[in-house]
Protein backbone atom coordinates (compact mmCIF):
# COMPACT_ATOMS: atom_id res chain seq x y z
CA MET A 1 8.06 1.01 -12.78
CA ASN A 2 11.46 1.80 -14.16
CA ILE A 3 12.88 5.34 -14.44
CA LYS A 4 11.51 5.81 -17.96
CA GLU A 5 7.96 4.95 -16.88
CA ILE A 6 8.19 7.12 -13.77
CA VAL A 7 9.38 10.17 -15.73
CA GLU A 8 6.71 9.65 -18.39
CA TYR A 9 4.03 9.29 -15.70
CA VAL A 10 4.97 12.59 -14.04
CA ALA A 11 5.18 14.52 -17.32
CA ARG A 12 1.94 13.05 -18.70
CA ASN A 13 -0.02 13.61 -15.47
CA TRP A 14 1.54 16.89 -14.29
CA ASP A 15 -1.70 18.86 -14.20
CA ALA A 16 -3.53 16.06 -12.35
CA ILE A 17 -0.84 15.64 -9.68
CA PRO A 18 -1.92 17.47 -6.52
CA ASP A 19 0.12 20.61 -5.82
CA GLY A 20 1.14 19.20 -2.43
CA TYR A 21 3.48 16.83 -4.29
CA LYS A 22 5.22 19.64 -6.15
CA SER A 23 8.22 21.45 -4.71
CA TYR A 24 10.06 24.60 -5.74
CA LEU A 25 13.79 23.95 -5.57
CA LYS A 26 15.06 27.51 -5.86
CA PRO A 27 15.57 29.24 -2.49
CA GLU A 28 14.04 32.73 -2.31
CA GLU A 29 17.34 34.49 -1.71
CA TYR A 30 18.99 33.19 -4.89
CA SER A 31 18.71 34.75 -8.32
CA LYS A 32 20.70 32.12 -10.21
CA ASN A 33 18.92 29.12 -11.76
CA ILE A 34 20.16 25.56 -11.86
CA ASP A 35 22.18 25.24 -15.08
CA GLY A 36 20.02 24.04 -17.95
CA VAL A 37 16.75 24.60 -16.09
CA SER A 38 14.21 27.34 -16.74
CA LEU A 39 12.59 29.15 -13.84
CA GLU A 40 9.36 27.15 -14.31
CA GLU A 41 11.31 23.90 -14.30
CA HIS A 42 12.41 24.57 -10.73
CA PHE A 43 8.98 23.16 -9.84
CA VAL A 44 9.39 19.39 -9.54
CA VAL A 45 7.66 16.36 -8.19
CA LEU A 46 10.17 15.14 -5.63
CA LEU A 47 10.26 11.38 -5.94
CA LEU A 48 13.15 10.99 -3.55
CA ASP A 49 14.09 13.35 -0.73
CA ARG A 50 15.92 11.52 2.01
CA GLN A 51 18.91 11.05 4.23
CA LYS A 52 21.01 8.32 2.62
CA PRO A 53 20.06 5.10 4.43
CA SER A 54 23.67 3.91 4.45
CA VAL A 55 24.77 6.97 6.47
CA GLU A 56 23.84 7.04 10.14
CA VAL A 57 22.05 10.22 11.19
CA CYS A 58 24.12 12.23 13.63
CA TYR A 59 24.84 15.97 13.80
CA ASP A 60 25.45 16.01 10.08
CA PHE A 61 23.44 15.16 7.00
CA ASP A 62 24.05 13.31 3.75
CA GLU A 63 20.95 13.68 1.60
CA GLU A 64 19.87 12.77 -1.90
CA ARG A 65 17.04 13.99 -4.11
CA ILE A 66 15.37 13.12 -7.39
CA GLY A 67 12.75 15.40 -8.93
CA VAL A 68 10.95 15.40 -12.26
CA THR A 69 9.80 18.56 -14.04
CA ARG A 70 6.66 19.12 -16.09
CA THR A 71 8.83 18.74 -19.21
CA GLY A 72 10.32 15.41 -18.11
CA LYS A 73 13.75 16.64 -17.06
CA ILE A 74 15.22 14.91 -14.02
CA ILE A 75 16.82 17.19 -11.46
CA TRP A 76 18.86 15.23 -9.00
CA GLY A 77 21.49 15.94 -6.44
CA PHE A 78 23.29 15.40 -3.20
CA ASP A 79 23.97 17.64 -0.25
CA SER A 80 25.95 16.95 2.89
CA GLY A 81 27.40 18.84 5.80
CA CYS A 82 27.08 19.51 9.49
CA SER A 83 23.78 20.47 11.08
CA CYS A 84 24.60 24.19 10.87
CA PRO A 85 23.81 24.94 7.20
CA SER A 86 20.42 24.44 5.66
CA PRO A 87 20.44 21.37 3.43
CA TRP A 88 19.82 22.19 -0.23
CA ASP A 89 19.67 25.97 0.36
CA ASP A 90 23.25 26.75 1.33
CA SER A 91 24.78 24.73 -1.51
CA TYR A 92 22.24 25.75 -4.19
CA PRO A 93 22.56 25.50 -7.22
CA ASP A 94 25.78 23.47 -7.21
CA CYS A 95 24.18 20.57 -5.34
CA TYR A 96 21.94 19.77 -8.34
CA SER A 97 22.52 18.13 -11.69
CA VAL A 98 20.11 17.86 -14.60
CA SER A 99 19.41 14.96 -16.92
CA LYS A 100 17.32 15.95 -19.92
CA THR A 101 16.24 12.36 -20.55
CA TRP A 102 15.72 9.23 -18.49
CA LYS A 103 18.49 7.53 -20.50
CA GLU A 104 20.94 10.22 -19.43
CA PHE A 105 19.85 9.80 -15.82
CA GLU A 106 20.34 6.02 -15.93
CA LEU A 107 24.08 6.62 -16.28
CA ASN A 108 24.06 8.20 -12.81
CA GLN A 109 21.89 5.72 -10.91
CA ASP A 110 24.85 4.11 -9.18
CA LYS A 111 25.44 7.36 -7.27
CA PHE A 112 22.26 6.80 -5.24
CA ASP A 113 21.93 4.70 -2.13
CA VAL A 114 20.18 1.34 -2.17
CA GLY A 115 16.43 1.29 -2.52
CA PHE A 116 16.11 4.63 -4.33
CA LEU A 117 14.00 3.20 -7.17
CA GLU A 118 11.63 1.51 -4.73
CA GLU A 119 11.14 4.83 -2.93
CA CYS A 120 10.42 6.57 -6.24
CA ASN A 121 7.84 3.92 -7.06
CA ASN A 122 6.28 4.27 -3.61
CA LYS A 123 5.93 8.02 -4.20
CA ILE A 124 4.22 7.39 -7.54
CA MET A 125 1.77 4.99 -5.86
CA GLU A 126 1.08 7.59 -3.17
CA ILE A 127 0.43 10.24 -5.83
CA GLU A 128 -1.85 7.90 -7.75
CA LYS A 129 -3.91 7.18 -4.60
CA ALA A 130 -4.21 10.92 -3.94
CA ARG A 131 -5.37 11.51 -7.52
CA GLU A 132 -7.98 8.76 -7.23
CA ALA A 133 -9.26 10.18 -3.93
CA LYS A 134 -10.07 13.53 -5.58
């Protein structure tokens, strides 16, 4: 699947996707939302949540994420630092960007490490198997 098909799949099947595949991006201790995202849209299906494969794991981290909301927005971002802070929490909400459409997101694909689309597709296949098993 390409990004358009992946986003459409998540939005179309949101209610049928098991809750275990949905994540809430907003840390409890923060009151501010990600710019351009409603409180409800902080729930996403995380299609990519990984250490960048091109960066060797050490005492630091260099992570990337792609999530899709019920409304089809793509919330994506990067976080890096030493092992002391909590990835994604300590840099929230500035670590995230929002693309309202898949076309807008396509302009930013080159920021992700190799194999990101394959990992997103693998997550969709995993979700589909879980839906079928219900």
